[in-house]
Amino acid sequence: MKNRFLWILCALLSLLVLTGGCNRKPASTADVPRSLSHQYKIAVAPFTQPRDISQLIMGQLPQPQALAARDVLIAQDRQLRDVLYTTTKRSYDFLPRTRPLPDLKRFHTSERPQALPLWGEYARKTSADILFIPQVLTWRDRQGSAAGVTEPAHVRLEFFLLNIKEGNIIGHSVYEVEQQGLTENLLNVGDFFKRQGKWVTAEELAREAMIKAVKDLNL
């Protein structure tokens, strides 16, 4: 039994080395390093969740889409604040939820994203140069515990940097993960060990998404 375990462990480590050495094509322009001057003043919007294609800044809605409760969005506001303060050396203006958010329900029949101008209007009411827009596209928490689940956590989070003066998106980071067991996908061996072999919550996946966004957007 011991020899069999060692053989499996060696095979997994070999696979990790092989996959890590492969060139990975960037999934989006967010994977391309860019410089964002520390002289820019950055405002951070509260989390929102588009529920219709017209409410998107870009891209498509997940199908099916799992909706996040309002208290989940508020909790992610707090978690993002903590990640930005602990992993970057910038100051931020965190916009309160009491400030009216863009009316993303203005369009009901459009089959294409139309939210960017609305976010531009919202951003111009601030004194910032850049608006950081965090969004939850899908949110499903695990059903079970760290030891085992009947349904794993699944999140898709997107983050945008909006140049307020120009009205265009200058940075975009995407994170989507539905946790899988090691036996389901050996390519996840790195994540498996990083998470100490546990089934994590959607909240923990969201934190991974935020840390990835900090790196993608060079904050």
C-alpha atoms as a PDB file:
ATOM      1  CA  MET A   1       0.000   0.000   0.000  1.00  0.00           C
ATOM      2  CA  LYS A   2       2.833   2.391   0.930  1.00  0.00           C
ATOM      3  CA  ASN A   3       4.653   1.732  -2.358  1.00  0.00           C
ATOM      4  CA  ARG A   4       1.442   2.297  -4.289  1.00  0.00           C
ATOM      5  CA  PHE A   5       0.914   5.660  -2.569  1.00  0.00           C
ATOM      6  CA  LEU A   6       4.485   6.758  -3.359  1.00  0.00           C
ATOM      7  CA  TRP A   7       4.010   5.740  -7.001  1.00  0.00           C
ATOM      8  CA  ILE A   8       0.837   7.803  -7.282  1.00  0.00           C
ATOM      9  CA  LEU A   9       2.494  10.804  -5.615  1.00  0.00           C
ATOM     10  CA  CYS A  10       5.466  10.637  -8.007  1.00  0.00           C
ATOM     11  CA  ALA A  11       3.126  10.440 -10.983  1.00  0.00           C
ATOM     12  CA  LEU A  12       1.204  13.514  -9.807  1.00  0.00           C
ATOM     13  CA  LEU A  13       4.396  15.517  -9.259  1.00  0.00           C
ATOM     14  CA  SER A  14       5.658  14.541 -12.708  1.00  0.00           C
ATOM     15  CA  LEU A  15       2.393  15.671 -14.255  1.00  0.00           C
ATOM     16  CA  LEU A  16       2.639  18.972 -12.409  1.00  0.00           C
ATOM     17  CA  VAL A  17       6.134  19.603 -13.758  1.00  0.00           C
ATOM     18  CA  LEU A  18       5.070  18.780 -17.296  1.00  0.00           C
ATOM     19  CA  THR A  19       1.974  20.969 -17.264  1.00  0.00           C
ATOM     20  CA  GLY A  20       3.814  23.826 -15.563  1.00  0.00           C
ATOM     21  CA  GLY A  21       6.417  23.847 -18.306  1.00  0.00           C
ATOM     22  CA  CYS A  22       3.900  24.273 -21.086  1.00  0.00           C
ATOM     23  CA  ASN A  23       3.331  27.688 -22.571  1.00  0.00           C
ATOM     24  CA  ARG A  24      -0.112  28.980 -21.632  1.00  0.00           C
ATOM     25  CA  LYS A  25      -1.929  31.221 -24.057  1.00  0.00           C
ATOM     26  CA  PRO A  26      -3.339  34.272 -22.232  1.00  0.00           C
ATOM     27  CA  ALA A  27      -7.064  33.849 -21.595  1.00  0.00           C
ATOM     28  CA  SER A  28      -7.568  37.592 -21.936  1.00  0.00           C
ATOM     29  CA  THR A  29      -5.653  40.838 -22.230  1.00  0.00           C
ATOM     30  CA  ALA A  30      -5.631  40.905 -18.424  1.00  0.00           C
ATOM     31  CA  ASP A  31      -2.879  38.268 -18.577  1.00  0.00           C
ATOM     32  CA  VAL A  32      -0.598  40.728 -20.385  1.00  0.00           C
ATOM     33  CA  PRO A  33       1.367  42.845 -17.867  1.00  0.00           C
ATOM     34  CA  ARG A  34       0.644  46.557 -17.979  1.00  0.00           C
ATOM     35  CA  SER A  35       1.757  49.528 -15.919  1.00  0.00           C
ATOM     36  CA  LEU A  36      -0.767  51.492 -13.884  1.00  0.00           C
ATOM     37  CA  SER A  37       0.735  54.643 -12.398  1.00  0.00           C
ATOM     38  CA  HIS A  38       0.460  55.094  -8.650  1.00  0.00           C
ATOM     39  CA  GLN A  39      -0.472  58.710  -9.368  1.00  0.00           C
ATOM     40  CA  TYR A  40      -3.928  57.615 -10.501  1.00  0.00           C
ATOM     41  CA  LYS A  41      -6.696  57.991  -7.961  1.00  0.00           C
ATOM     42  CA  ILE A  42      -8.746  54.782  -7.919  1.00  0.00           C
ATOM     43  CA  ALA A  43     -12.349  54.552  -6.743  1.00  0.00           C
ATOM     44  CA  VAL A  44     -13.783  51.106  -5.982  1.00  0.00           C
ATOM     45  CA  ALA A  45     -17.443  50.428  -6.729  1.00  0.00           C
ATOM     46  CA  PRO A  46     -19.519  48.002  -4.636  1.00  0.00           C
ATOM     47  CA  PHE A  47     -20.072  44.502  -6.012  1.00  0.00           C
ATOM     48  CA  THR A  48     -23.007  44.075  -8.387  1.00  0.00           C
ATOM     49  CA  GLN A  49     -24.428  41.111 -10.283  1.00  0.00           C
ATOM     50  CA  PRO A  50     -25.684  41.599 -13.845  1.00  0.00           C
ATOM     51  CA  ARG A  51     -28.736  39.415 -14.480  1.00  0.00           C
ATOM     52  CA  ASP A  52     -29.386  40.261 -18.113  1.00  0.00           C
ATOM     53  CA  ILE A  53     -27.093  40.539 -21.137  1.00  0.00           C
ATOM     54  CA  SER A  54     -27.830  44.263 -21.408  1.00  0.00           C
ATOM     55  CA  GLN A  55     -26.519  44.764 -17.851  1.00  0.00           C
ATOM     56  CA  LEU A  56     -23.066  43.470 -18.800  1.00  0.00           C
ATOM     57  CA  ILE A  57     -20.045  45.623 -19.564  1.00  0.00           C
ATOM     58  CA  MET A  58     -18.842  42.941 -21.975  1.00  0.00           C
ATOM     59  CA  GLY A  59     -19.056  39.198 -22.562  1.00  0.00           C
ATOM     60  CA  GLN A  60     -21.858  36.751 -21.863  1.00  0.00           C
ATOM     61  CA  LEU A  61     -23.846  35.575 -18.852  1.00  0.00           C
ATOM     62  CA  PRO A  62     -23.100  32.077 -17.526  1.00  0.00           C
ATOM     63  CA  GLN A  63     -25.793  29.540 -18.343  1.00  0.00           C
ATOM     64  CA  PRO A  64     -27.283  28.616 -15.990  1.00  0.00           C
ATOM     65  CA  GLN A  65     -26.550  31.573 -13.744  1.00  0.00           C
ATOM     66  CA  ALA A  66     -26.526  31.124  -9.966  1.00  0.00           C
ATOM     67  CA  LEU A  67     -27.601  34.306  -8.176  1.00  0.00           C
ATOM     68  CA  ALA A  68     -25.874  35.826  -5.159  1.00  0.00           C
ATOM     69  CA  ALA A  69     -27.902  37.234  -2.273  1.00  0.00           C
ATOM     70  CA  ARG A  70     -27.439  40.887  -1.361  1.00  0.00           C
ATOM     71  CA  ASP A  71     -25.637  39.988   1.874  1.00  0.00           C
ATOM     72  CA  VAL A  72     -23.145  37.973  -0.185  1.00  0.00           C
ATOM     73  CA  LEU A  73     -22.355  41.042  -2.295  1.00  0.00           C
ATOM     74  CA  ILE A  74     -21.922  43.151   0.829  1.00  0.00           C
ATOM     75  CA  ALA A  75     -19.595  40.534   2.332  1.00  0.00           C
ATOM     76  CA  GLN A  76     -17.504  40.594  -0.853  1.00  0.00           C
ATOM     77  CA  ASP A  77     -17.215  44.382  -0.590  1.00  0.00           C
ATOM     78  CA  ARG A  78     -15.537  43.851   2.789  1.00  0.00           C
ATOM     79  CA  GLN A  79     -13.342  41.031   1.517  1.00  0.00           C
ATOM     80  CA  LEU A  80     -12.179  43.054  -1.493  1.00  0.00           C
ATOM     81  CA  ARG A  81     -11.308  45.981   0.758  1.00  0.00           C
ATOM     82  CA  ASP A  82      -9.162  43.648   2.877  1.00  0.00           C
ATOM     83  CA  VAL A  83      -7.422  42.118  -0.161  1.00  0.00           C
ATOM     84  CA  LEU A  84      -6.618  45.509  -1.697  1.00  0.00           C
ATOM     85  CA  TYR A  85      -5.288  46.913   1.567  1.00  0.00           C
ATOM     86  CA  THR A  86      -3.165  43.857   2.380  1.00  0.00           C
ATOM     87  CA  THR A  87      -1.764  43.010  -1.068  1.00  0.00           C
ATOM     88  CA  THR A  88      -1.205  46.417  -2.701  1.00  0.00           C
ATOM     89  CA  LYS A  89       0.528  49.659  -1.757  1.00  0.00           C
ATOM     90  CA  ARG A  90      -2.142  52.021  -3.060  1.00  0.00           C
ATOM     91  CA  SER A  91      -4.854  54.088  -1.464  1.00  0.00           C
ATOM     92  CA  TYR A  92      -8.442  53.673  -2.636  1.00  0.00           C
ATOM     93  CA  ASP A  93     -11.748  55.490  -2.383  1.00  0.00           C
ATOM     94  CA  PHE A  94     -14.311  52.794  -1.538  1.00  0.00           C
ATOM     95  CA  LEU A  95     -17.664  54.060  -2.747  1.00  0.00           C
ATOM     96  CA  PRO A  96     -20.558  53.369  -0.355  1.00  0.00           C
ATOM     97  CA  ARG A  97     -23.710  51.511  -1.330  1.00  0.00           C
ATOM     98  CA  THR A  98     -25.665  54.579  -0.273  1.00  0.00           C
ATOM     99  CA  ARG A  99     -24.387  56.245  -3.457  1.00  0.00           C
ATOM    100  CA  PRO A 100     -26.912  55.358  -6.199  1.00  0.00           C
ATOM    101  CA  LEU A 101     -25.526  52.604  -8.431  1.00  0.00           C
ATOM    102  CA  PRO A 102     -26.105  52.592 -12.208  1.00  0.00           C
ATOM    103  CA  ASP A 103     -29.658  51.658 -13.153  1.00  0.00           C
ATOM    104  CA  LEU A 104     -28.726  48.390 -14.843  1.00  0.00           C
ATOM    105  CA  LYS A 105     -32.415  47.553 -15.363  1.00  0.00           C
ATOM    106  CA  ARG A 106     -32.840  50.370 -17.861  1.00  0.00           C
ATOM    107  CA  PHE A 107     -32.511  47.966 -20.780  1.00  0.00           C
ATOM    108  CA  HIS A 108     -34.748  44.898 -20.821  1.00  0.00           C
ATOM    109  CA  THR A 109     -34.769  43.585 -24.384  1.00  0.00           C
ATOM    110  CA  SER A 110     -31.236  44.137 -25.633  1.00  0.00           C
ATOM    111  CA  GLU A 111     -29.196  41.104 -26.660  1.00  0.00           C
ATOM    112  CA  ARG A 112     -25.838  42.821 -26.237  1.00  0.00           C
ATOM    113  CA  PRO A 113     -23.936  44.428 -23.321  1.00  0.00           C
ATOM    114  CA  GLN A 114     -24.931  48.062 -22.785  1.00  0.00           C
ATOM    115  CA  ALA A 115     -23.811  48.875 -19.256  1.00  0.00           C
ATOM    116  CA  LEU A 116     -20.505  50.642 -19.975  1.00  0.00           C
ATOM    117  CA  PRO A 117     -22.028  54.120 -20.589  1.00  0.00           C
ATOM    118  CA  LEU A 118     -24.015  53.809 -17.357  1.00  0.00           C
ATOM    119  CA  TRP A 119     -20.857  53.009 -15.411  1.00  0.00           C
ATOM    120  CA  GLY A 120     -19.206  55.984 -17.122  1.00  0.00           C
ATOM    121  CA  GLU A 121     -21.966  58.274 -15.826  1.00  0.00           C
ATOM    122  CA  TYR A 122     -21.579  56.809 -12.352  1.00  0.00           C
ATOM    123  CA  ALA A 123     -17.783  57.200 -12.437  1.00  0.00           C
ATOM    124  CA  ARG A 124     -17.858  60.847 -13.532  1.00  0.00           C
ATOM    125  CA  LYS A 125     -19.637  61.744 -10.291  1.00  0.00           C
ATOM    126  CA  THR A 126     -16.500  60.755  -8.383  1.00  0.00           C
ATOM    127  CA  SER A 127     -13.190  62.611  -8.150  1.00  0.00           C
ATOM    128  CA  ALA A 128     -11.184  59.571  -9.253  1.00  0.00           C
ATOM    129  CA  ASP A 129      -9.193  58.846 -12.415  1.00  0.00           C
ATOM    130  CA  ILE A 130      -9.964  55.106 -12.487  1.00  0.00           C
ATOM    131  CA  LEU A 131     -13.064  53.197 -11.415  1.00  0.00           C
ATOM    132  CA  PHE A 132     -12.510  49.623 -10.249  1.00  0.00           C
ATOM    133  CA  ILE A 133     -15.702  47.644 -10.947  1.00  0.00           C
ATOM    134  CA  PRO A 134     -16.079  44.204  -9.276  1.00  0.00           C
ATOM    135  CA  GLN A 135     -18.899  41.933 -10.397  1.00  0.00           C
ATOM    136  CA  VAL A 136     -20.257  38.516  -9.504  1.00  0.00           C
ATOM    137  CA  LEU A 137     -21.488  36.656 -12.582  1.00  0.00           C
ATOM    138  CA  THR A 138     -22.373  33.406 -10.822  1.00  0.00           C
ATOM    139  CA  TRP A 139     -22.230  32.313  -7.181  1.00  0.00           C
ATOM    140  CA  ARG A 140     -22.956  28.856  -5.807  1.00  0.00           C
ATOM    141  CA  ASP A 141     -21.664  27.832  -2.411  1.00  0.00           C
ATOM    142  CA  ARG A 142     -20.607  24.311  -1.595  1.00  0.00           C
ATOM    143  CA  GLN A 143     -23.173  21.866  -0.294  1.00  0.00           C
ATOM    144  CA  GLY A 144     -21.378  19.889   2.370  1.00  0.00           C
ATOM    145  CA  SER A 145     -18.234  20.498   4.378  1.00  0.00           C
ATOM    146  CA  ALA A 146     -14.482  20.806   3.930  1.00  0.00           C
ATOM    147  CA  ALA A 147     -14.261  17.023   4.120  1.00  0.00           C
ATOM    148  CA  GLY A 148     -16.846  16.191   1.449  1.00  0.00           C
ATOM    149  CA  VAL A 149     -19.583  17.753  -0.658  1.00  0.00           C
ATOM    150  CA  THR A 150     -22.710  16.845  -2.561  1.00  0.00           C
ATOM    151  CA  GLU A 151     -22.157  19.935  -4.727  1.00  0.00           C
ATOM    152  CA  PRO A 152     -18.902  21.927  -4.917  1.00  0.00           C
ATOM    153  CA  ALA A 153     -18.556  25.707  -4.816  1.00  0.00           C
ATOM    154  CA  HIS A 154     -18.692  27.497  -8.164  1.00  0.00           C
ATOM    155  CA  VAL A 155     -18.009  31.188  -8.773  1.00  0.00           C
ATOM    156  CA  ARG A 156     -17.374  33.488 -11.688  1.00  0.00           C
ATOM    157  CA  LEU A 157     -16.089  36.940 -10.807  1.00  0.00           C
ATOM    158  CA  GLU A 158     -15.020  39.686 -13.194  1.00  0.00           C
ATOM    159  CA  PHE A 159     -13.137  42.889 -12.453  1.00  0.00           C
ATOM    160  CA  PHE A 160     -12.827  45.976 -14.659  1.00  0.00           C
ATOM    161  CA  LEU A 161     -10.699  49.110 -14.642  1.00  0.00           C
ATOM    162  CA  LEU A 162     -12.539  52.022 -16.252  1.00  0.00           C
ATOM    163  CA  ASN A 163     -10.587  55.061 -17.415  1.00  0.00           C
ATOM    164  CA  ILE A 164     -13.058  57.726 -16.360  1.00  0.00           C
ATOM    165  CA  LYS A 165     -11.801  60.528 -18.594  1.00  0.00           C
ATOM    166  CA  GLU A 166     -11.700  58.384 -21.748  1.00  0.00           C
ATOM    167  CA  GLY A 167     -14.720  56.243 -20.855  1.00  0.00           C
ATOM    168  CA  ASN A 168     -13.046  52.982 -21.854  1.00  0.00           C
ATOM    169  CA  ILE A 169     -12.020  49.755 -20.136  1.00  0.00           C
ATOM    170  CA  ILE A 170      -8.259  49.538 -19.644  1.00  0.00           C
ATOM    171  CA  GLY A 171      -8.141  46.321 -17.628  1.00  0.00           C
ATOM    172  CA  HIS A 172     -10.251  43.184 -17.254  1.00  0.00           C
ATOM    173  CA  SER A 173      -9.694  40.134 -15.050  1.00  0.00           C
ATOM    174  CA  VAL A 174     -11.825  36.977 -15.119  1.00  0.00           C
ATOM    175  CA  TYR A 175     -11.904  34.136 -12.607  1.00  0.00           C
ATOM    176  CA  GLU A 176     -14.224  31.159 -12.898  1.00  0.00           C
ATOM    177  CA  VAL A 177     -13.770  27.987 -10.883  1.00  0.00           C
ATOM    178  CA  GLU A 178     -16.006  25.079 -10.030  1.00  0.00           C
ATOM    179  CA  GLN A 179     -13.924  23.056  -7.606  1.00  0.00           C
ATOM    180  CA  GLN A 180     -13.230  19.483  -8.646  1.00  0.00           C
ATOM    181  CA  GLY A 181     -11.783  16.579  -6.762  1.00  0.00           C
ATOM    182  CA  LEU A 182      -8.276  15.365  -7.583  1.00  0.00           C
ATOM    183  CA  THR A 183      -9.627  12.130  -9.058  1.00  0.00           C
ATOM    184  CA  GLU A 184     -11.849  14.134 -11.444  1.00  0.00           C
ATOM    185  CA  ASN A 185      -9.075  16.242 -12.922  1.00  0.00           C
ATOM    186  CA  LEU A 186      -5.373  15.539 -12.282  1.00  0.00           C
ATOM    187  CA  LEU A 187      -4.491  18.895 -13.846  1.00  0.00           C
ATOM    188  CA  ASN A 188      -5.836  20.497 -10.660  1.00  0.00           C
ATOM    189  CA  VAL A 189      -3.124  18.882  -8.535  1.00  0.00           C
ATOM    190  CA  GLY A 190      -1.519  22.283  -7.792  1.00  0.00           C
ATOM    191  CA  ASP A 191      -4.790  23.779  -6.543  1.00  0.00           C
ATOM    192  CA  PHE A 192      -5.519  20.564  -4.642  1.00  0.00           C
ATOM    193  CA  PHE A 193      -2.364  20.887  -2.547  1.00  0.00           C
ATOM    194  CA  LYS A 194      -2.715  24.676  -2.205  1.00  0.00           C
ATOM    195  CA  ARG A 195      -6.157  24.158  -0.664  1.00  0.00           C
ATOM    196  CA  GLN A 196      -4.769  21.378   1.567  1.00  0.00           C
ATOM    197  CA  GLY A 197      -7.067  18.807  -0.013  1.00  0.00           C
ATOM    198  CA  LYS A 198     -10.200  20.541   1.325  1.00  0.00           C
ATOM    199  CA  TRP A 199     -13.455  21.486  -0.331  1.00  0.00           C
ATOM    200  CA  VAL A 200     -13.498  25.270  -0.070  1.00  0.00           C
ATOM    201  CA  THR A 201     -16.371  27.731   0.129  1.00  0.00           C
ATOM    202  CA  ALA A 202     -17.460  30.201  -2.548  1.00  0.00           C
ATOM    203  CA  GLU A 203     -16.098  32.926  -0.257  1.00  0.00           C
ATOM    204  CA  GLU A 204     -12.640  31.346  -0.375  1.00  0.00           C
ATOM    205  CA  LEU A 205     -12.781  31.023  -4.165  1.00  0.00           C
ATOM    206  CA  ALA A 206     -13.798  34.695  -4.345  1.00  0.00           C
ATOM    207  CA  ARG A 207     -10.690  35.655  -2.406  1.00  0.00           C
ATOM    208  CA  GLU A 208      -8.583  33.727  -4.919  1.00  0.00           C
ATOM    209  CA  ALA A 209     -10.336  35.707  -7.659  1.00  0.00           C
ATOM    210  CA  MET A 210      -9.498  39.017  -5.987  1.00  0.00           C
ATOM    211  CA  ILE A 211      -5.838  38.111  -5.531  1.00  0.00           C
ATOM    212  CA  LYS A 212      -5.687  37.098  -9.198  1.00  0.00           C
ATOM    213  CA  ALA A 213      -7.258  40.428 -10.196  1.00  0.00           C
ATOM    214  CA  VAL A 214      -4.640  42.364  -8.242  1.00  0.00           C
ATOM    215  CA  LYS A 215      -1.941  40.605 -10.257  1.00  0.00           C
ATOM    216  CA  ASP A 216      -3.763  40.753 -13.597  1.00  0.00           C
ATOM    217  CA  LEU A 217      -4.476  44.465 -13.299  1.00  0.00           C
ATOM    218  CA  ASN A 218      -1.056  45.318 -11.872  1.00  0.00           C
ATOM    219  CA  LEU A 219      -2.476  47.016  -8.800  1.00  0.00           C
END
